[in-house]
N, C-alpha and C. Protein backbone atom coordinates (compact mmCIF):
# COMPACT_ATOMS: atom_id res chain seq x y z
N UNK A 1 58.67 152.50 250.73
CA UNK A 1 57.53 153.16 251.28
C UNK A 1 56.73 153.82 250.15
N UNK A 2 55.47 153.66 250.16
CA UNK A 2 54.60 154.22 249.15
C UNK A 2 54.06 155.56 249.61
N UNK A 3 54.00 156.52 248.71
CA UNK A 3 53.55 157.86 249.02
C UNK A 3 52.27 158.14 248.21
N UNK A 4 51.39 158.98 248.73
CA UNK A 4 50.18 159.33 247.96
C UNK A 4 50.54 160.24 246.80
N UNK A 5 49.68 160.29 245.78
CA UNK A 5 49.94 161.23 244.66
C UNK A 5 49.90 162.67 245.17
N UNK A 6 50.76 163.51 244.60
CA UNK A 6 50.82 164.90 245.06
C UNK A 6 50.43 165.89 243.97
N UNK A 7 50.56 165.50 242.71
CA UNK A 7 50.27 166.40 241.60
C UNK A 7 49.39 165.69 240.58
N UNK A 8 48.40 166.39 240.07
CA UNK A 8 47.58 165.84 238.99
C UNK A 8 47.81 166.68 237.75
N UNK A 9 48.16 166.01 236.68
CA UNK A 9 48.36 166.71 235.40
C UNK A 9 47.19 166.40 234.48
N UNK A 10 46.58 167.42 233.97
CA UNK A 10 45.42 167.29 233.10
C UNK A 10 45.74 167.99 231.81
N UNK A 11 45.65 167.27 230.69
CA UNK A 11 45.99 167.86 229.39
C UNK A 11 44.84 167.54 228.43
N UNK A 12 44.29 168.60 227.83
CA UNK A 12 43.19 168.46 226.89
C UNK A 12 43.62 169.15 225.58
N UNK A 13 43.62 168.36 224.50
CA UNK A 13 43.93 168.91 223.19
C UNK A 13 42.78 168.66 222.26
N UNK A 14 42.37 169.71 221.55
CA UNK A 14 41.39 169.57 220.48
C UNK A 14 41.79 170.53 219.37
N UNK A 15 40.93 170.65 218.38
CA UNK A 15 41.28 171.48 217.23
C UNK A 15 41.36 172.98 217.58
N UNK A 16 40.58 173.39 218.59
CA UNK A 16 40.55 174.80 218.97
C UNK A 16 41.51 175.17 220.09
N UNK A 17 41.58 174.30 221.11
CA UNK A 17 42.34 174.64 222.33
C UNK A 17 43.34 173.57 222.70
N UNK A 18 44.38 173.99 223.37
CA UNK A 18 45.32 173.10 224.05
C UNK A 18 45.41 173.59 225.48
N UNK A 19 44.93 172.77 226.41
CA UNK A 19 44.92 173.15 227.82
C UNK A 19 45.77 172.16 228.60
N UNK A 20 46.68 172.65 229.38
CA UNK A 20 47.50 171.82 230.22
C UNK A 20 47.51 172.40 231.65
N UNK A 21 47.03 171.62 232.60
CA UNK A 21 46.92 172.07 234.00
C UNK A 21 47.72 171.16 234.92
N UNK A 22 48.41 171.76 235.85
CA UNK A 22 49.07 171.04 236.92
C UNK A 22 48.34 171.45 238.20
N UNK A 23 47.70 170.48 238.84
CA UNK A 23 46.92 170.78 240.05
C UNK A 23 47.57 170.11 241.26
N UNK A 24 47.91 170.88 242.28
CA UNK A 24 48.52 170.31 243.48
C UNK A 24 47.48 169.62 244.37
N UNK A 25 47.50 168.30 244.37
CA UNK A 25 46.55 167.52 245.17
C UNK A 25 46.88 167.61 246.67
N UNK A 26 48.16 167.75 246.98
CA UNK A 26 48.57 167.72 248.38
C UNK A 26 47.96 168.85 249.19
N UNK A 27 47.46 169.91 248.53
CA UNK A 27 46.79 170.96 249.27
C UNK A 27 45.41 170.51 249.78
N UNK A 28 44.84 169.48 249.19
CA UNK A 28 43.53 168.98 249.62
C UNK A 28 43.64 167.98 250.78
N UNK A 29 44.82 167.43 251.01
CA UNK A 29 45.00 166.42 252.04
C UNK A 29 44.65 166.93 253.46
N UNK A 30 45.03 168.13 253.87
CA UNK A 30 44.62 168.61 255.19
C UNK A 30 43.11 168.76 255.32
N UNK A 31 42.42 169.15 254.27
CA UNK A 31 40.98 169.25 254.31
C UNK A 31 40.34 167.86 254.46
N UNK A 32 40.83 166.89 253.72
CA UNK A 32 40.33 165.51 253.84
C UNK A 32 40.58 164.96 255.23
N UNK A 33 41.73 165.24 255.80
CA UNK A 33 42.06 164.78 257.17
C UNK A 33 41.13 165.43 258.18
N UNK A 34 40.85 166.71 258.03
CA UNK A 34 39.95 167.42 258.95
C UNK A 34 38.51 166.85 258.86
N UNK A 35 38.06 166.59 257.67
CA UNK A 35 36.72 166.00 257.51
C UNK A 35 36.70 164.59 258.11
N UNK A 36 37.76 163.84 257.92
CA UNK A 36 37.83 162.51 258.53
C UNK A 36 37.81 162.54 260.03
N UNK A 37 38.50 163.49 260.65
CA UNK A 37 38.49 163.60 262.10
C UNK A 37 37.13 164.03 262.62
N UNK A 38 36.42 164.87 261.88
CA UNK A 38 35.09 165.28 262.30
C UNK A 38 34.10 164.10 262.20
N UNK A 39 34.23 163.28 261.17
CA UNK A 39 33.34 162.16 260.99
C UNK A 39 33.69 160.92 261.80
N UNK A 40 34.88 160.90 262.40
CA UNK A 40 35.32 159.72 263.15
C UNK A 40 34.38 159.30 264.26
N UNK A 41 33.86 160.19 265.11
CA UNK A 41 32.92 159.73 266.15
C UNK A 41 31.66 159.13 265.58
N UNK A 42 31.16 159.69 264.47
CA UNK A 42 29.96 159.13 263.84
C UNK A 42 30.22 157.75 263.29
N UNK A 43 31.36 157.56 262.65
CA UNK A 43 31.72 156.25 262.10
C UNK A 43 31.90 155.23 263.21
N UNK A 44 32.49 155.61 264.33
CA UNK A 44 32.63 154.71 265.46
C UNK A 44 31.26 154.30 266.01
N UNK A 45 30.38 155.24 266.17
CA UNK A 45 29.05 154.94 266.68
C UNK A 45 28.26 154.03 265.76
N UNK A 46 28.27 154.34 264.48
CA UNK A 46 27.53 153.52 263.53
C UNK A 46 28.13 152.12 263.39
N UNK A 47 29.45 152.02 263.46
CA UNK A 47 30.07 150.70 263.38
C UNK A 47 29.76 149.85 264.62
N UNK A 48 29.66 150.49 265.78
CA UNK A 48 29.30 149.74 266.99
C UNK A 48 27.86 149.25 266.91
N UNK A 49 26.97 150.07 266.35
CA UNK A 49 25.57 149.66 266.20
C UNK A 49 25.44 148.54 265.14
N UNK A 50 26.25 148.64 264.06
CA UNK A 50 26.16 147.67 262.98
C UNK A 50 27.03 146.43 263.21
N UNK A 51 27.79 146.37 264.28
CA UNK A 51 28.70 145.25 264.53
C UNK A 51 27.96 143.90 264.56
N UNK A 52 26.85 143.75 265.26
CA UNK A 52 26.19 142.45 265.30
C UNK A 52 25.69 141.95 263.93
N UNK A 53 25.37 142.85 263.03
CA UNK A 53 24.91 142.42 261.71
C UNK A 53 26.04 142.06 260.76
N UNK A 54 27.28 142.36 261.15
CA UNK A 54 28.44 142.03 260.31
C UNK A 54 28.96 143.18 259.47
N UNK A 55 28.30 144.32 259.52
CA UNK A 55 28.72 145.48 258.71
C UNK A 55 29.62 146.43 259.49
N UNK A 56 29.82 146.21 260.78
CA UNK A 56 30.57 147.14 261.59
C UNK A 56 32.06 147.17 261.28
N UNK A 57 32.63 145.97 261.12
CA UNK A 57 34.07 145.94 260.85
C UNK A 57 34.47 146.56 259.51
N UNK A 58 33.76 146.22 258.41
CA UNK A 58 34.12 146.91 257.14
C UNK A 58 33.94 148.42 257.20
N UNK A 59 32.90 148.86 257.91
CA UNK A 59 32.68 150.31 258.07
C UNK A 59 33.79 150.93 258.89
N UNK A 60 34.24 150.24 259.92
CA UNK A 60 35.30 150.77 260.76
C UNK A 60 36.63 150.87 259.99
N UNK A 61 36.86 149.92 259.07
CA UNK A 61 38.09 149.90 258.30
C UNK A 61 38.00 150.67 256.99
N UNK A 62 36.88 151.30 256.71
CA UNK A 62 36.69 151.99 255.42
C UNK A 62 37.69 153.11 255.20
N UNK A 63 38.11 153.81 256.24
CA UNK A 63 39.11 154.84 256.10
C UNK A 63 40.46 154.29 255.63
N UNK A 64 40.85 153.16 256.19
CA UNK A 64 42.09 152.52 255.77
C UNK A 64 42.01 152.01 254.34
N UNK A 65 40.84 151.47 253.98
CA UNK A 65 40.66 151.00 252.58
C UNK A 65 40.75 152.18 251.62
N UNK A 66 40.13 153.30 251.99
CA UNK A 66 40.18 154.50 251.16
C UNK A 66 41.62 154.98 250.97
N UNK A 67 42.37 154.99 252.07
CA UNK A 67 43.77 155.44 252.01
C UNK A 67 44.61 154.52 251.13
N UNK A 68 44.39 153.22 251.21
CA UNK A 68 45.13 152.27 250.38
C UNK A 68 44.82 152.49 248.90
N UNK A 69 43.56 152.79 248.58
CA UNK A 69 43.20 153.03 247.18
C UNK A 69 43.87 154.32 246.68
N UNK A 70 43.87 155.35 247.48
CA UNK A 70 44.49 156.63 247.08
C UNK A 70 46.00 156.45 246.90
N UNK A 71 46.64 155.73 247.81
CA UNK A 71 48.07 155.50 247.72
C UNK A 71 48.40 154.68 246.48
N UNK A 72 47.56 153.76 246.08
CA UNK A 72 47.83 152.90 244.92
C UNK A 72 47.62 153.63 243.62
N UNK A 73 46.99 154.79 243.64
CA UNK A 73 46.73 155.54 242.40
C UNK A 73 47.93 156.32 241.88
N UNK A 74 49.00 156.36 242.64
CA UNK A 74 50.21 157.10 242.21
C UNK A 74 50.73 156.45 240.92
N UNK A 75 50.92 157.24 239.90
CA UNK A 75 51.41 156.73 238.62
C UNK A 75 50.28 156.39 237.65
N UNK A 76 49.04 156.58 238.05
CA UNK A 76 47.92 156.30 237.15
C UNK A 76 47.93 157.27 235.99
N UNK A 77 47.81 156.74 234.78
CA UNK A 77 47.76 157.56 233.57
C UNK A 77 46.61 157.10 232.70
N UNK A 78 45.76 158.01 232.33
CA UNK A 78 44.59 157.74 231.48
C UNK A 78 44.74 158.58 230.22
N UNK A 79 44.79 157.90 229.06
CA UNK A 79 44.85 158.62 227.78
C UNK A 79 43.59 158.23 226.99
N UNK A 80 42.87 159.25 226.56
CA UNK A 80 41.69 159.03 225.75
C UNK A 80 41.90 159.78 224.43
N UNK A 81 41.86 159.04 223.35
CA UNK A 81 42.05 159.61 222.01
C UNK A 81 40.75 159.47 221.23
N UNK A 82 40.31 160.58 220.68
CA UNK A 82 39.05 160.61 219.95
C UNK A 82 39.26 161.47 218.71
N UNK A 83 38.34 161.41 217.76
CA UNK A 83 38.49 162.26 216.57
C UNK A 83 38.33 163.73 216.90
N UNK A 84 37.66 164.05 218.01
CA UNK A 84 37.49 165.45 218.38
C UNK A 84 38.65 166.02 219.19
N UNK A 85 39.49 165.14 219.77
CA UNK A 85 40.64 165.62 220.55
C UNK A 85 41.21 164.53 221.43
N UNK A 86 42.19 164.93 222.23
CA UNK A 86 42.89 164.03 223.15
C UNK A 86 42.70 164.53 224.56
N UNK A 87 42.64 163.56 225.51
CA UNK A 87 42.54 163.89 226.93
C UNK A 87 43.53 163.02 227.68
N UNK A 88 44.38 163.63 228.50
CA UNK A 88 45.34 162.89 229.31
C UNK A 88 45.20 163.31 230.75
N UNK A 89 45.14 162.32 231.62
CA UNK A 89 45.01 162.49 233.07
C UNK A 89 46.12 161.69 233.69
N UNK A 90 46.99 162.34 234.50
CA UNK A 90 48.12 161.64 235.08
C UNK A 90 48.28 162.06 236.55
N UNK A 91 48.41 161.08 237.45
CA UNK A 91 48.70 161.35 238.86
C UNK A 91 50.15 161.08 239.14
N UNK A 92 50.85 162.03 239.71
CA UNK A 92 52.28 161.90 239.94
C UNK A 92 52.57 162.01 241.40
């Protein structure tokens, strides 16, 4: 079973500062769920109107596509090295 990312680690190193942040992403999930529930009737209405043109089904499934993308981001690590400093972004 795949789980969504729960923690984001952000590390910035340069000549002056070293910043390391651990941000709890799981605290934002209830807010995203509430916004999704509020927008659900609007998405259903627009998808029914757009169904004959062929855009209704992708619009209706956009929430599932978004969730699959977020779930697949677990373990994503981005390292950027430059002469001015280093930047690391990691989803755990």
